[in-house]
Amino acid sequence: MLSVFGLLALTFSSSAMASPIQDIPQALGDTLGIDPEAAGYILSAAILMSAGLALAIAGRRPNILATIIVLITIMIALVVIGWLDYWVAFLVAVLVAALFGTRMRDLFGGD
């Protein structure tokens, strides 16, 4: 999986070599013949998958909460550089809060 992304990076790296980081999705979109917004989603997914996989397999007992915190932080960084829309990060944060909401209620609720 990572070799495919490496091949894609090698393919379009010549056109995006001296440009700002915000122009990388445009170069990938031009190379693949897709919308630059879709290219930004592809690049964001590749970064999040590689970081999430590395954190998920680290150690004997991976810490899911630390993994989620790091992935949301990376997602916010991707929003800031313009590769990802803000509503995607917001939606993921709401889903994570909903998943851990009942766990926190049981932990601190005292019932």
PDB file of N, CA and C in Angstrom:
ATOM      1  N   MET A   1       0.821  -1.187   0.000  1.00  0.00           N
ATOM      2  CA  MET A   1       0.000   0.000   0.000  1.00  0.00           C
ATOM      3  C   MET A   1       0.874   1.263   0.000  1.00  0.00           C
ATOM      4  N   LEU A   2       1.882   1.259   0.852  1.00  0.00           N
ATOM      5  CA  LEU A   2       2.740   2.438   0.906  1.00  0.00           C
ATOM      6  C   LEU A   2       3.590   2.564  -0.351  1.00  0.00           C
ATOM      7  N   SER A   3       3.881   1.452  -1.005  1.00  0.00           N
ATOM      8  CA  SER A   3       4.674   1.543  -2.229  1.00  0.00           C
ATOM      9  C   SER A   3       3.889   2.230  -3.343  1.00  0.00           C
ATOM     10  N   VAL A   4       2.558   2.066  -3.347  1.00  0.00           N
ATOM     11  CA  VAL A   4       1.727   2.748  -4.339  1.00  0.00           C
ATOM     12  C   VAL A   4       1.805   4.253  -4.125  1.00  0.00           C
ATOM     13  N   PHE A   5       1.723   4.681  -2.869  1.00  0.00           N
ATOM     14  CA  PHE A   5       1.817   6.109  -2.584  1.00  0.00           C
ATOM     15  C   PHE A   5       3.217   6.640  -2.871  1.00  0.00           C
ATOM     16  N   GLY A   6       4.232   5.821  -2.648  1.00  0.00           N
ATOM     17  CA  GLY A   6       5.585   6.226  -2.999  1.00  0.00           C
ATOM     18  C   GLY A   6       5.759   6.403  -4.492  1.00  0.00           C
ATOM     19  N   LEU A   7       5.150   5.503  -5.263  1.00  0.00           N
ATOM     20  CA  LEU A   7       5.195   5.615  -6.714  1.00  0.00           C
ATOM     21  C   LEU A   7       4.463   6.859  -7.189  1.00  0.00           C
ATOM     22  N   LEU A   8       3.319   7.145  -6.583  1.00  0.00           N
ATOM     23  CA  LEU A   8       2.593   8.367  -6.933  1.00  0.00           C
ATOM     24  C   LEU A   8       3.401   9.608  -6.584  1.00  0.00           C
ATOM     25  N   ALA A   9       4.059   9.578  -5.425  1.00  0.00           N
ATOM     26  CA  ALA A   9       4.878  10.727  -5.032  1.00  0.00           C
ATOM     27  C   ALA A   9       6.039  10.922  -5.992  1.00  0.00           C
ATOM     28  N   LEU A  10       6.646   9.835  -6.441  1.00  0.00           N
ATOM     29  CA  LEU A  10       7.745   9.929  -7.388  1.00  0.00           C
ATOM     30  C   LEU A  10       7.262  10.448  -8.735  1.00  0.00           C
ATOM     31  N   THR A  11       6.041  10.081  -9.103  1.00  0.00           N
ATOM     32  CA  THR A  11       5.499  10.479 -10.394  1.00  0.00           C
ATOM     33  C   THR A  11       5.284  11.977 -10.483  1.00  0.00           C
ATOM     34  N   PHE A  12       4.715  12.571  -9.441  1.00  0.00           N
ATOM     35  CA  PHE A  12       4.386  13.990  -9.540  1.00  0.00           C
ATOM     36  C   PHE A  12       5.377  14.889  -8.822  1.00  0.00           C
ATOM     37  N   SER A  13       6.426  14.329  -8.248  1.00  0.00           N
ATOM     38  CA  SER A  13       7.352  15.156  -7.467  1.00  0.00           C
ATOM     39  C   SER A  13       8.139  16.141  -8.330  1.00  0.00           C
ATOM     40  N   SER A  14       8.353  15.832  -9.592  1.00  0.00           N
ATOM     41  CA  SER A  14       9.130  16.741 -10.426  1.00  0.00           C
ATOM     42  C   SER A  14       8.386  18.048 -10.678  1.00  0.00           C
ATOM     43  N   SER A  15       7.055  18.000 -10.732  1.00  0.00           N
ATOM     44  CA  SER A  15       6.301  19.224 -10.989  1.00  0.00           C
ATOM     45  C   SER A  15       6.031  20.014  -9.720  1.00  0.00           C
ATOM     46  N   ALA A  16       6.180  19.410  -8.549  1.00  0.00           N
ATOM     47  CA  ALA A  16       5.896  20.098  -7.293  1.00  0.00           C
ATOM     48  C   ALA A  16       7.154  20.284  -6.451  1.00  0.00           C
ATOM     49  N   MET A  17       8.304  20.153  -7.050  1.00  0.00           N
ATOM     50  CA  MET A  17       9.539  20.148  -6.291  1.00  0.00           C
ATOM     51  C   MET A  17       9.817  21.491  -5.600  1.00  0.00           C
ATOM     52  N   ALA A  18       9.662  22.608  -6.294  1.00  0.00           N
ATOM     53  CA  ALA A  18      10.023  23.904  -5.724  1.00  0.00           C
ATOM     54  C   ALA A  18       8.796  24.725  -5.367  1.00  0.00           C
ATOM     55  N   SER A  19       7.662  24.087  -5.207  1.00  0.00           N
ATOM     56  CA  SER A  19       6.437  24.822  -4.905  1.00  0.00           C
ATOM     57  C   SER A  19       6.077  24.669  -3.434  1.00  0.00           C
ATOM     58  N   PRO A  20       5.213  25.532  -2.935  1.00  0.00           N
ATOM     59  CA  PRO A  20       4.779  25.397  -1.542  1.00  0.00           C
ATOM     60  C   PRO A  20       4.009  24.094  -1.318  1.00  0.00           C
ATOM     61  N   ILE A  21       3.905  23.740  -0.070  1.00  0.00           N
ATOM     62  CA  ILE A  21       3.249  22.475   0.274  1.00  0.00           C
ATOM     63  C   ILE A  21       1.765  22.483  -0.103  1.00  0.00           C
ATOM     64  N   GLN A  22       1.155  23.655  -0.187  1.00  0.00           N
ATOM     65  CA  GLN A  22      -0.258  23.747  -0.560  1.00  0.00           C
ATOM     66  C   GLN A  22      -0.490  23.370  -2.019  1.00  0.00           C
ATOM     67  N   ASP A  23       0.542  23.415  -2.864  1.00  0.00           N
ATOM     68  CA  ASP A  23       0.395  23.109  -4.284  1.00  0.00           C
ATOM     69  C   ASP A  23       0.572  21.636  -4.614  1.00  0.00           C
ATOM     70  N   ILE A  24       0.924  20.822  -3.641  1.00  0.00           N
ATOM     71  CA  ILE A  24       1.140  19.396  -3.901  1.00  0.00           C
ATOM     72  C   ILE A  24      -0.145  18.705  -4.364  1.00  0.00           C
ATOM     73  N   PRO A  25      -1.328  18.950  -3.748  1.00  0.00           N
ATOM     74  CA  PRO A  25      -2.542  18.322  -4.284  1.00  0.00           C
ATOM     75  C   PRO A  25      -2.848  18.740  -5.718  1.00  0.00           C
ATOM     76  N   GLN A  26      -2.543  19.980  -6.085  1.00  0.00           N
ATOM     77  CA  GLN A  26      -2.751  20.434  -7.460  1.00  0.00           C
ATOM     78  C   GLN A  26      -1.881  19.640  -8.428  1.00  0.00           C
ATOM     79  N   ALA A  27      -0.619  19.429  -8.049  1.00  0.00           N
ATOM     80  CA  ALA A  27       0.291  18.672  -8.913  1.00  0.00           C
ATOM     81  C   ALA A  27      -0.141  17.211  -9.026  1.00  0.00           C
ATOM     82  N   LEU A  28      -0.582  16.624  -7.910  1.00  0.00           N
ATOM     83  CA  LEU A  28      -1.068  15.248  -7.954  1.00  0.00           C
ATOM     84  C   LEU A  28      -2.340  15.154  -8.783  1.00  0.00           C
ATOM     85  N   GLY A  29      -3.224  16.138  -8.637  1.00  0.00           N
ATOM     86  CA  GLY A  29      -4.446  16.157  -9.427  1.00  0.00           C
ATOM     87  C   GLY A  29      -4.167  16.280 -10.914  1.00  0.00           C
ATOM     88  N   ASP A  30      -3.208  17.116 -11.274  1.00  0.00           N
ATOM     89  CA  ASP A  30      -2.833  17.251 -12.686  1.00  0.00           C
ATOM     90  C   ASP A  30      -2.226  15.956 -13.226  1.00  0.00           C
ATOM     91  N   THR A  31      -1.411  15.299 -12.407  1.00  0.00           N
ATOM     92  CA  THR A  31      -0.776  14.059 -12.843  1.00  0.00           C
ATOM     93  C   THR A  31      -1.787  12.935 -13.029  1.00  0.00           C
ATOM     94  N   LEU A  32      -2.716  12.809 -12.075  1.00  0.00           N
ATOM     95  CA  LEU A  32      -3.684  11.718 -12.145  1.00  0.00           C
ATOM     96  C   LEU A  32      -4.928  12.077 -12.955  1.00  0.00           C
ATOM     97  N   GLY A  33      -5.089  13.344 -13.283  1.00  0.00           N
ATOM     98  CA  GLY A  33      -6.257  13.779 -14.028  1.00  0.00           C
ATOM     99  C   GLY A  33      -7.518  13.828 -13.182  1.00  0.00           C
ATOM    100  N   ILE A  34      -7.360  14.168 -11.898  1.00  0.00           N
ATOM    101  CA  ILE A  34      -8.503  14.268 -10.994  1.00  0.00           C
ATOM    102  C   ILE A  34      -8.555  15.664 -10.407  1.00  0.00           C
ATOM    103  N   ASP A  35      -9.632  15.933  -9.694  1.00  0.00           N
ATOM    104  CA  ASP A  35      -9.824  17.220  -9.039  1.00  0.00           C
ATOM    105  C   ASP A  35      -8.764  17.410  -7.946  1.00  0.00           C
ATOM    106  N   PRO A  36      -8.202  18.611  -7.796  1.00  0.00           N
ATOM    107  CA  PRO A  36      -7.203  18.832  -6.740  1.00  0.00           C
ATOM    108  C   PRO A  36      -7.756  18.590  -5.329  1.00  0.00           C
ATOM    109  N   GLU A  37      -9.046  18.810  -5.141  1.00  0.00           N
ATOM    110  CA  GLU A  37      -9.631  18.545  -3.831  1.00  0.00           C
ATOM    111  C   GLU A  37      -9.612  17.041  -3.526  1.00  0.00           C
ATOM    112  N   ALA A  38      -9.920  16.230  -4.532  1.00  0.00           N
ATOM    113  CA  ALA A  38      -9.843  14.775  -4.362  1.00  0.00           C
ATOM    114  C   ALA A  38      -8.405  14.333  -4.129  1.00  0.00           C
ATOM    115  N   ALA A  39      -7.465  14.976  -4.800  1.00  0.00           N
ATOM    116  CA  ALA A  39      -6.053  14.662  -4.587  1.00  0.00           C
ATOM    117  C   ALA A  39      -5.630  15.009  -3.164  1.00  0.00           C
ATOM    118  N   GLY A  40      -6.147  16.117  -2.631  1.00  0.00           N
ATOM    119  CA  GLY A  40      -5.860  16.468  -1.236  1.00  0.00           C
ATOM    120  C   GLY A  40      -6.406  15.438  -0.269  1.00  0.00           C
ATOM    121  N   TYR A  41      -7.602  14.903  -0.575  1.00  0.00           N
ATOM    122  CA  TYR A  41      -8.169  13.847   0.271  1.00  0.00           C
ATOM    123  C   TYR A  41      -7.328  12.577   0.200  1.00  0.00           C
ATOM    124  N   ILE A  42      -6.831  12.250  -0.990  1.00  0.00           N
ATOM    125  CA  ILE A  42      -5.987  11.062  -1.140  1.00  0.00           C
ATOM    126  C   ILE A  42      -4.695  11.222  -0.353  1.00  0.00           C
ATOM    127  N   LEU A  43      -4.062  12.386  -0.476  1.00  0.00           N
ATOM    128  CA  LEU A  43      -2.824  12.634   0.272  1.00  0.00           C
ATOM    129  C   LEU A  43      -3.066  12.640   1.779  1.00  0.00           C
ATOM    130  N   SER A  44      -4.166  13.244   2.204  1.00  0.00           N
ATOM    131  CA  SER A  44      -4.496  13.275   3.630  1.00  0.00           C
ATOM    132  C   SER A  44      -4.740  11.870   4.160  1.00  0.00           C
ATOM    133  N   ALA A  45      -5.462  11.060   3.391  1.00  0.00           N
ATOM    134  CA  ALA A  45      -5.717   9.683   3.813  1.00  0.00           C
ATOM    135  C   ALA A  45      -4.418   8.893   3.909  1.00  0.00           C
ATOM    136  N   ALA A  46      -3.492   9.125   2.984  1.00  0.00           N
ATOM    137  CA  ALA A  46      -2.213   8.419   3.027  1.00  0.00           C
ATOM    138  C   ALA A  46      -1.413   8.798   4.268  1.00  0.00           C
ATOM    139  N   ILE A  47      -1.388  10.072   4.593  1.00  0.00           N
ATOM    140  CA  ILE A  47      -0.656  10.518   5.779  1.00  0.00           C
ATOM    141  C   ILE A  47      -1.303   9.979   7.041  1.00  0.00           C
ATOM    142  N   LEU A  48      -2.631  10.059   7.127  1.00  0.00           N
ATOM    143  CA  LEU A  48      -3.324   9.575   8.319  1.00  0.00           C
ATOM    144  C   LEU A  48      -3.206   8.059   8.464  1.00  0.00           C
ATOM    145  N   MET A  49      -3.276   7.324   7.354  1.00  0.00           N
ATOM    146  CA  MET A  49      -3.131   5.866   7.431  1.00  0.00           C
ATOM    147  C   MET A  49      -1.733   5.467   7.868  1.00  0.00           C
ATOM    148  N   SER A  50      -0.721   6.135   7.347  1.00  0.00           N
ATOM    149  CA  SER A  50       0.643   5.757   7.725  1.00  0.00           C
ATOM    150  C   SER A  50       0.920   6.087   9.194  1.00  0.00           C
ATOM    151  N   ALA A  51       0.460   7.236   9.661  1.00  0.00           N
ATOM    152  CA  ALA A  51       0.665   7.589  11.070  1.00  0.00           C
ATOM    153  C   ALA A  51      -0.175   6.694  11.977  1.00  0.00           C
ATOM    154  N   GLY A  52      -1.412   6.431  11.586  1.00  0.00           N
ATOM    155  CA  GLY A  52      -2.278   5.586  12.408  1.00  0.00           C
ATOM    156  C   GLY A  52      -1.778   4.160  12.497  1.00  0.00           C
ATOM    157  N   LEU A  53      -1.293   3.628  11.392  1.00  0.00           N
ATOM    158  CA  LEU A  53      -0.760   2.269  11.406  1.00  0.00           C
ATOM    159  C   LEU A  53       0.490   2.180  12.268  1.00  0.00           C
ATOM    160  N   ALA A  54       1.364   3.161  12.146  1.00  0.00           N
ATOM    161  CA  ALA A  54       2.592   3.157  12.951  1.00  0.00           C
ATOM    162  C   ALA A  54       2.270   3.232  14.437  1.00  0.00           C
ATOM    163  N   LEU A  55       1.295   4.035  14.806  1.00  0.00           N
ATOM    164  CA  LEU A  55       0.928   4.147  16.221  1.00  0.00           C
ATOM    165  C   LEU A  55       0.143   2.943  16.708  1.00  0.00           C
ATOM    166  N   ALA A  56      -0.653   2.341  15.835  1.00  0.00           N
ATOM    167  CA  ALA A  56      -1.481   1.214  16.250  1.00  0.00           C
ATOM    168  C   ALA A  56      -0.672  -0.048  16.515  1.00  0.00           C
ATOM    169  N   ILE A  57       0.454  -0.221  15.831  1.00  0.00           N
ATOM    170  CA  ILE A  57       1.238  -1.440  16.020  1.00  0.00           C
ATOM    171  C   ILE A  57       2.431  -1.226  16.947  1.00  0.00           C
ATOM    172  N   ALA A  58       2.585  -0.026  17.474  1.00  0.00           N
ATOM    173  CA  ALA A  58       3.719   0.268  18.345  1.00  0.00           C
ATOM    174  C   ALA A  58       3.478  -0.316  19.739  1.00  0.00           C
ATOM    175  N   GLY A  59       4.433  -1.010  20.243  1.00  0.00           N
ATOM    176  CA  GLY A  59       4.353  -1.546  21.600  1.00  0.00           C
ATOM    177  C   GLY A  59       3.514  -2.808  21.703  1.00  0.00           C
ATOM    178  N   ARG A  60       3.492  -3.355  22.900  1.00  0.00           N
ATOM    179  CA  ARG A  60       2.716  -4.570  23.134  1.00  0.00           C
ATOM    180  C   ARG A  60       1.236  -4.279  23.249  1.00  0.00           C
ATOM    181  N   ARG A  61       0.914  -3.216  23.969  1.00  0.00           N
ATOM    182  CA  ARG A  61      -0.485  -2.798  24.107  1.00  0.00           C
ATOM    183  C   ARG A  61      -0.605  -1.370  23.599  1.00  0.00           C
ATOM    184  N   PRO A  62      -1.051  -1.199  22.360  1.00  0.00           N
ATOM    185  CA  PRO A  62      -1.153   0.166  21.816  1.00  0.00           C
ATOM    186  C   PRO A  62      -2.230   0.965  22.552  1.00  0.00           C
ATOM    187  N   ASN A  63      -1.951   2.223  22.770  1.00  0.00           N
ATOM    188  CA  ASN A  63      -2.869   3.113  23.465  1.00  0.00           C
ATOM    189  C   ASN A  63      -3.782   3.769  22.430  1.00  0.00           C
ATOM    190  N   ILE A  64      -5.048   3.381  22.424  1.00  0.00           N
ATOM    191  CA  ILE A  64      -5.985   3.882  21.420  1.00  0.00           C
ATOM    192  C   ILE A  64      -6.260   5.372  21.610  1.00  0.00           C
ATOM    193  N   LEU A  65      -6.300   5.830  22.847  1.00  0.00           N
ATOM    194  CA  LEU A  65      -6.573   7.243  23.094  1.00  0.00           C
ATOM    195  C   LEU A  65      -5.434   8.125  22.580  1.00  0.00           C
ATOM    196  N   ALA A  66      -4.205   7.705  22.804  1.00  0.00           N
ATOM    197  CA  ALA A  66      -3.056   8.467  22.293  1.00  0.00           C
ATOM    198  C   ALA A  66      -3.042   8.462  20.769  1.00  0.00           C
ATOM    199  N   THR A  67      -3.403   7.334  20.168  1.00  0.00           N
ATOM    200  CA  THR A  67      -3.471   7.256  18.710  1.00  0.00           C
ATOM    201  C   THR A  67      -4.508   8.219  18.163  1.00  0.00           C
ATOM    202  N   ILE A  68      -5.670   8.277  18.790  1.00  0.00           N
ATOM    203  CA  ILE A  68      -6.740   9.173  18.337  1.00  0.00           C
ATOM    204  C   ILE A  68      -6.323  10.632  18.503  1.00  0.00           C
ATOM    205  N   ILE A  69      -5.679  10.952  19.606  1.00  0.00           N
ATOM    206  CA  ILE A  69      -5.226  12.327  19.830  1.00  0.00           C
ATOM    207  C   ILE A  69      -4.219  12.747  18.762  1.00  0.00           C
ATOM    208  N   VAL A  70      -3.282  11.882  18.456  1.00  0.00           N
ATOM    209  CA  VAL A  70      -2.273  12.205  17.436  1.00  0.00           C
ATOM    210  C   VAL A  70      -2.924  12.340  16.065  1.00  0.00           C
ATOM    211  N   LEU A  71      -3.847  11.444  15.727  1.00  0.00           N
ATOM    212  CA  LEU A  71      -4.503  11.511  14.426  1.00  0.00           C
ATOM    213  C   LEU A  71      -5.365  12.762  14.282  1.00  0.00           C
ATOM    214  N   ILE A  72      -6.047  13.165  15.333  1.00  0.00           N
ATOM    215  CA  ILE A  72      -6.832  14.401  15.258  1.00  0.00           C
ATOM    216  C   ILE A  72      -5.909  15.610  15.131  1.00  0.00           C
ATOM    217  N   THR A  73      -4.771  15.588  15.805  1.00  0.00           N
ATOM    218  CA  THR A  73      -3.803  16.674  15.672  1.00  0.00           C
ATOM    219  C   THR A  73      -3.256  16.750  14.241  1.00  0.00           C
ATOM    220  N   ILE A  74      -2.948  15.607  13.656  1.00  0.00           N
ATOM    221  CA  ILE A  74      -2.495  15.587  12.262  1.00  0.00           C
ATOM    222  C   ILE A  74      -3.594  16.084  11.342  1.00  0.00           C
ATOM    223  N   MET A  75      -4.829  15.685  11.636  1.00  0.00           N
ATOM    224  CA  MET A  75      -5.960  16.119  10.823  1.00  0.00           C
ATOM    225  C   MET A  75      -6.126  17.642  10.876  1.00  0.00           C
ATOM    226  N   ILE A  76      -5.940  18.226  12.042  1.00  0.00           N
ATOM    227  CA  ILE A  76      -6.032  19.676  12.173  1.00  0.00           C
ATOM    228  C   ILE A  76      -4.895  20.350  11.397  1.00  0.00           C
ATOM    229  N   ALA A  77      -3.701  19.765  11.434  1.00  0.00           N
ATOM    230  CA  ALA A  77      -2.589  20.306  10.641  1.00  0.00           C
ATOM    231  C   ALA A  77      -2.890  20.235   9.149  1.00  0.00           C
ATOM    232  N   LEU A  78      -3.531  19.169   8.711  1.00  0.00           N
ATOM    233  CA  LEU A  78      -3.908  19.042   7.299  1.00  0.00           C
ATOM    234  C   LEU A  78      -4.975  20.063   6.921  1.00  0.00           C
ATOM    235  N   VAL A  79      -5.854  20.394   7.852  1.00  0.00           N
ATOM    236  CA  VAL A  79      -6.849  21.447   7.603  1.00  0.00           C
ATOM    237  C   VAL A  79      -6.149  22.792   7.463  1.00  0.00           C
ATOM    238  N   VAL A  80      -5.156  23.035   8.311  1.00  0.00           N
ATOM    239  CA  VAL A  80      -4.455  24.315   8.290  1.00  0.00           C
ATOM    240  C   VAL A  80      -3.690  24.513   6.981  1.00  0.00           C
ATOM    241  N   ILE A  81      -3.054  23.462   6.466  1.00  0.00           N
ATOM    242  CA  ILE A  81      -2.313  23.639   5.213  1.00  0.00           C
ATOM    243  C   ILE A  81      -3.221  23.553   3.997  1.00  0.00           C
ATOM    244  N   GLY A  82      -4.472  23.193   4.181  1.00  0.00           N
ATOM    245  CA  GLY A  82      -5.442  23.250   3.097  1.00  0.00           C
ATOM    246  C   GLY A  82      -5.657  21.967   2.328  1.00  0.00           C
ATOM    247  N   TRP A  83      -5.178  20.851   2.825  1.00  0.00           N
ATOM    248  CA  TRP A  83      -5.381  19.593   2.128  1.00  0.00           C
ATOM    249  C   TRP A  83      -6.695  18.935   2.496  1.00  0.00           C
ATOM    250  N   LEU A  84      -7.271  19.309   3.620  1.00  0.00           N
ATOM    251  CA  LEU A  84      -8.474  18.671   4.137  1.00  0.00           C
ATOM    252  C   LEU A  84      -9.461  19.755   4.541  1.00  0.00           C
ATOM    253  N   ASP A  85     -10.737  19.510   4.328  1.00  0.00           N
ATOM    254  CA  ASP A  85     -11.752  20.482   4.730  1.00  0.00           C
ATOM    255  C   ASP A  85     -11.973  20.420   6.234  1.00  0.00           C
ATOM    256  N   TYR A  86     -12.373  21.547   6.800  1.00  0.00           N
ATOM    257  CA  TYR A  86     -12.564  21.616   8.246  1.00  0.00           C
ATOM    258  C   TYR A  86     -13.697  20.721   8.725  1.00  0.00           C
ATOM    259  N   TRP A  87     -14.711  20.507   7.897  1.00  0.00           N
ATOM    260  CA  TRP A  87     -15.853  19.716   8.347  1.00  0.00           C
ATOM    261  C   TRP A  87     -15.494  18.250   8.514  1.00  0.00           C
ATOM    262  N   VAL A  88     -14.477  17.758   7.812  1.00  0.00           N
ATOM    263  CA  VAL A  88     -14.052  16.367   7.985  1.00  0.00           C
ATOM    264  C   VAL A  88     -13.443  16.185   9.374  1.00  0.00           C
ATOM    265  N   ALA A  89     -12.581  17.105   9.778  1.00  0.00           N
ATOM    266  CA  ALA A  89     -11.986  17.036  11.109  1.00  0.00           C
ATOM    267  C   ALA A  89     -13.044  17.199  12.186  1.00  0.00           C
ATOM    268  N   PHE A  90     -13.999  18.085  11.957  1.00  0.00           N
ATOM    269  CA  PHE A  90     -15.080  18.287  12.923  1.00  0.00           C
ATOM    270  C   PHE A  90     -15.927  17.026  13.052  1.00  0.00           C
ATOM    271  N   LEU A  91     -16.262  16.395  11.938  1.00  0.00           N
ATOM    272  CA  LEU A  91     -17.066  15.184  11.955  1.00  0.00           C
ATOM    273  C   LEU A  91     -16.352  14.047  12.681  1.00  0.00           C
ATOM    274  N   VAL A  92     -15.056  13.895  12.446  1.00  0.00           N
ATOM    275  CA  VAL A  92     -14.289  12.857  13.135  1.00  0.00           C
ATOM    276  C   VAL A  92     -14.229  13.141  14.631  1.00  0.00           C
ATOM    277  N   ALA A  93     -14.041  14.401  15.016  1.00  0.00           N
ATOM    278  CA  ALA A  93     -14.005  14.754  16.442  1.00  0.00           C
ATOM    279  C   ALA A  93     -15.345  14.462  17.110  1.00  0.00           C
ATOM    280  N   VAL A  94     -16.445  14.742  16.434  1.00  0.00           N
ATOM    281  CA  VAL A  94     -17.771  14.456  16.998  1.00  0.00           C
ATOM    282  C   VAL A  94     -17.982  12.948  17.134  1.00  0.00           C
ATOM    283  N   LEU A  95     -17.560  12.183  16.147  1.00  0.00           N
ATOM    284  CA  LEU A  95     -17.701  10.727  16.219  1.00  0.00           C
ATOM    285  C   LEU A  95     -16.866  10.132  17.357  1.00  0.00           C
ATOM    286  N   VAL A  96     -15.660  10.640  17.530  1.00  0.00           N
ATOM    287  CA  VAL A  96     -14.811  10.159  18.626  1.00  0.00           C
ATOM    288  C   VAL A  96     -15.428  10.528  19.967  1.00  0.00           C
ATOM    289  N   ALA A  97     -15.963  11.728  20.073  1.00  0.00           N
ATOM    290  CA  ALA A  97     -16.620  12.136  21.322  1.00  0.00           C
ATOM    291  C   ALA A  97     -17.837  11.264  21.602  1.00  0.00           C
ATOM    292  N   ALA A  98     -18.580  10.904  20.569  1.00  0.00           N
ATOM    293  CA  ALA A  98     -19.742  10.034  20.767  1.00  0.00           C
ATOM    294  C   ALA A  98     -19.312   8.630  21.177  1.00  0.00           C
ATOM    295  N   LEU A  99     -18.221   8.142  20.616  1.00  0.00           N
ATOM    296  CA  LEU A  99     -17.746   6.807  20.973  1.00  0.00           C
ATOM    297  C   LEU A  99     -17.262   6.733  22.417  1.00  0.00           C
ATOM    298  N   PHE A 100     -16.560   7.764  22.853  1.00  0.00           N
ATOM    299  CA  PHE A 100     -16.018   7.753  24.205  1.00  0.00           C
ATOM    300  C   PHE A 100     -16.948   8.406  25.220  1.00  0.00           C
ATOM    301  N   GLY A 101     -18.073   8.962  24.790  1.00  0.00           N
ATOM    302  CA  GLY A 101     -18.993   9.624  25.710  1.00  0.00           C
ATOM    303  C   GLY A 101     -19.592   8.679  26.732  1.00  0.00           C
ATOM    304  N   THR A 102     -20.056   7.539  26.292  1.00  0.00           N
ATOM    305  CA  THR A 102     -20.647   6.578  27.228  1.00  0.00           C
ATOM    306  C   THR A 102     -19.587   5.986  28.145  1.00  0.00           C
ATOM    307  N   ARG A 103     -18.390   5.813  27.630  1.00  0.00           N
ATOM    308  CA  ARG A 103     -17.305   5.291  28.476  1.00  0.00           C
ATOM    309  C   ARG A 103     -16.957   6.274  29.595  1.00  0.00           C
ATOM    310  N   MET A 104     -16.916   7.566  29.259  1.00  0.00           N
ATOM    311  CA  MET A 104     -16.626   8.579  30.286  1.00  0.00           C
ATOM    312  C   MET A 104     -17.783   8.708  31.272  1.00  0.00           C
ATOM    313  N   ARG A 105     -19.014   8.581  30.783  1.00  0.00           N
ATOM    314  CA  ARG A 105     -20.164   8.652  31.669  1.00  0.00           C
ATOM    315  C   ARG A 105     -20.128   7.497  32.670  1.00  0.00           C
ATOM    316  N   ASP A 106     -19.797   6.310  32.207  1.00  0.00           N
ATOM    317  CA  ASP A 106     -19.703   5.164  33.107  1.00  0.00           C
ATOM    318  C   ASP A 106     -18.536   5.300  34.077  1.00  0.00           C
ATOM    319  N   LEU A 107     -17.448   5.884  33.621  1.00  0.00           N
ATOM    320  CA  LEU A 107     -16.273   6.042  34.465  1.00  0.00           C
ATOM    321  C   LEU A 107     -16.482   7.083  35.563  1.00  0.00           C
ATOM    322  N   PHE A 108     -17.067   8.231  35.177  1.00  0.00           N
ATOM    323  CA  PHE A 108     -17.222   9.322  36.142  1.00  0.00           C
ATOM    324  C   PHE A 108     -18.639   9.482  36.675  1.00  0.00           C
ATOM    325  N   GLY A 109     -19.565   8.690  36.182  1.00  0.00           N
ATOM    326  CA  GLY A 109     -20.973   8.836  36.584  1.00  0.00           C
ATOM    327  C   GLY A 109     -21.261   8.317  37.978  1.00  0.00           C
ATOM    328  N   GLY A 110     -20.543   7.338  38.415  1.00  0.00           N
ATOM    329  CA  GLY A 110     -20.737   6.815  39.766  1.00  0.00           C
ATOM    330  C   GLY A 110     -21.868   5.815  39.872  1.00  0.00           C
ATOM    331  N   ASP A 111     -22.490   5.446  38.792  1.00  0.00           N
ATOM    332  CA  ASP A 111     -23.578   4.450  38.862  1.00  0.00           C
ATOM    333  C   ASP A 111     -23.059   3.042  38.845  1.00  0.00           C
TER     334      ASP A 111
END
